[in-house]
Amino acid sequence: MLYLPREKGQGLVEYALILVLVAIVVIAILLLLGPVVGNVFSNIVSNL
């Protein structure tokens, strides 16, 4: 075999894309559920 493909860079790019997608999903969930979670914690603190 004269040519061996280098797959290290490709794997790194794939991991980076997965990390970016997970970050986008987490940010979207926090934006949607942030006020709800804040209200729950406020109710818990006020009841204590």
N, C-alpha and C. Protein backbone atom coordinates (compact mmCIF):
# COMPACT_ATOMS: atom_id res chain seq x y z
N MET A 1 0.84 -1.18 0.00
CA MET A 1 0.00 0.00 0.00
C MET A 1 0.88 1.24 0.00
N LEU A 2 0.76 2.02 -1.00
CA LEU A 2 1.56 3.23 -1.09
C LEU A 2 0.90 4.41 -0.39
N TYR A 3 -0.43 4.37 -0.32
CA TYR A 3 -1.14 5.51 0.24
C TYR A 3 -2.00 5.02 1.40
N LEU A 4 -1.76 5.57 2.57
CA LEU A 4 -2.58 5.26 3.74
C LEU A 4 -3.32 6.53 4.14
N PRO A 5 -4.64 6.50 4.15
CA PRO A 5 -5.38 7.72 4.50
C PRO A 5 -5.19 8.09 5.97
N ARG A 6 -5.12 9.36 6.21
CA ARG A 6 -5.03 9.86 7.58
C ARG A 6 -6.43 10.18 8.07
N GLU A 7 -6.84 9.50 9.13
CA GLU A 7 -8.20 9.68 9.63
C GLU A 7 -8.24 10.42 10.96
N LYS A 8 -7.08 10.83 11.46
CA LYS A 8 -7.09 11.52 12.76
C LYS A 8 -7.80 12.86 12.67
N GLY A 9 -7.52 13.63 11.64
CA GLY A 9 -8.17 14.92 11.49
C GLY A 9 -9.66 14.80 11.25
N GLN A 10 -10.03 13.79 10.50
CA GLN A 10 -11.45 13.57 10.22
C GLN A 10 -12.19 13.24 11.51
N GLY A 11 -11.63 12.40 12.35
CA GLY A 11 -12.27 12.06 13.62
C GLY A 11 -12.41 13.27 14.51
N LEU A 12 -11.40 14.13 14.51
CA LEU A 12 -11.45 15.33 15.33
C LEU A 12 -12.56 16.27 14.86
N VAL A 13 -12.72 16.39 13.57
CA VAL A 13 -13.79 17.24 13.02
C VAL A 13 -15.15 16.67 13.39
N GLU A 14 -15.29 15.36 13.32
CA GLU A 14 -16.58 14.75 13.67
C GLU A 14 -16.92 14.98 15.13
N TYR A 15 -15.92 14.82 16.01
CA TYR A 15 -16.17 15.08 17.43
C TYR A 15 -16.52 16.55 17.67
N ALA A 16 -15.87 17.44 16.95
CA ALA A 16 -16.18 18.86 17.11
C ALA A 16 -17.61 19.17 16.66
N LEU A 17 -18.03 18.57 15.55
CA LEU A 17 -19.41 18.79 15.08
C LEU A 17 -20.43 18.25 16.08
N ILE A 18 -20.17 17.08 16.64
CA ILE A 18 -21.08 16.52 17.64
C ILE A 18 -21.14 17.43 18.85
N LEU A 19 -19.98 17.94 19.29
CA LEU A 19 -19.95 18.83 20.44
C LEU A 19 -20.73 20.12 20.17
N VAL A 20 -20.61 20.66 18.98
CA VAL A 20 -21.35 21.88 18.62
C VAL A 20 -22.85 21.60 18.60
N LEU A 21 -23.25 20.47 18.04
CA LEU A 21 -24.69 20.14 18.00
C LEU A 21 -25.25 19.95 19.40
N VAL A 22 -24.51 19.28 20.26
CA VAL A 22 -24.98 19.09 21.64
C VAL A 22 -25.09 20.43 22.35
N ALA A 23 -24.12 21.32 22.13
CA ALA A 23 -24.16 22.63 22.75
C ALA A 23 -25.37 23.43 22.28
N ILE A 24 -25.67 23.36 20.99
CA ILE A 24 -26.84 24.07 20.46
C ILE A 24 -28.13 23.55 21.07
N VAL A 25 -28.23 22.23 21.21
CA VAL A 25 -29.44 21.63 21.81
C VAL A 25 -29.57 22.04 23.27
N VAL A 26 -28.47 22.02 24.01
CA VAL A 26 -28.53 22.40 25.43
C VAL A 26 -28.91 23.87 25.58
N ILE A 27 -28.35 24.73 24.75
CA ILE A 27 -28.70 26.16 24.82
C ILE A 27 -30.17 26.37 24.49
N ALA A 28 -30.67 25.67 23.48
CA ALA A 28 -32.09 25.81 23.12
C ALA A 28 -32.99 25.34 24.25
N ILE A 29 -32.64 24.23 24.89
CA ILE A 29 -33.46 23.73 26.00
C ILE A 29 -33.43 24.70 27.16
N LEU A 30 -32.24 25.26 27.46
CA LEU A 30 -32.16 26.21 28.56
C LEU A 30 -32.94 27.49 28.26
N LEU A 31 -32.93 27.92 27.01
CA LEU A 31 -33.71 29.12 26.66
C LEU A 31 -35.20 28.87 26.79
N LEU A 32 -35.64 27.66 26.43
CA LEU A 32 -37.06 27.36 26.50
C LEU A 32 -37.52 27.07 27.92
N LEU A 33 -36.72 26.35 28.69
CA LEU A 33 -37.15 25.92 30.02
C LEU A 33 -36.54 26.75 31.14
N GLY A 34 -35.70 27.71 30.82
CA GLY A 34 -35.06 28.51 31.85
C GLY A 34 -36.02 29.20 32.79
N PRO A 35 -37.00 29.93 32.28
CA PRO A 35 -37.95 30.60 33.18
C PRO A 35 -38.75 29.62 34.04
N VAL A 36 -39.07 28.47 33.49
CA VAL A 36 -39.84 27.47 34.25
C VAL A 36 -39.01 26.96 35.42
N VAL A 37 -37.75 26.64 35.15
CA VAL A 37 -36.87 26.15 36.20
C VAL A 37 -36.64 27.23 37.25
N GLY A 38 -36.49 28.47 36.81
CA GLY A 38 -36.33 29.58 37.75
C GLY A 38 -37.53 29.74 38.66
N ASN A 39 -38.72 29.58 38.12
CA ASN A 39 -39.93 29.69 38.93
C ASN A 39 -40.02 28.55 39.94
N VAL A 40 -39.62 27.37 39.53
CA VAL A 40 -39.64 26.23 40.46
C VAL A 40 -38.71 26.48 41.63
N PHE A 41 -37.48 26.93 41.35
CA PHE A 41 -36.54 27.21 42.42
C PHE A 41 -37.02 28.36 43.29
N SER A 42 -37.64 29.36 42.70
CA SER A 42 -38.19 30.47 43.49
C SER A 42 -39.28 30.00 44.42
N ASN A 43 -40.14 29.12 43.94
CA ASN A 43 -41.20 28.57 44.79
C ASN A 43 -40.62 27.73 45.92
N ILE A 44 -39.59 26.97 45.64
CA ILE A 44 -38.97 26.15 46.68
C ILE A 44 -38.35 27.04 47.76
N VAL A 45 -37.63 28.09 47.33
CA VAL A 45 -36.99 28.97 48.30
C VAL A 45 -38.03 29.73 49.11
N SER A 46 -39.10 30.17 48.49
CA SER A 46 -40.11 30.92 49.21
C SER A 46 -40.86 30.03 50.20
N ASN A 47 -41.01 28.75 49.87
CA ASN A 47 -41.70 27.84 50.79
C ASN A 47 -40.81 27.42 51.96
N LEU A 48 -39.53 27.52 51.79
CA LEU A 48 -38.63 27.17 52.91
C LEU A 48 -38.62 28.30 53.91
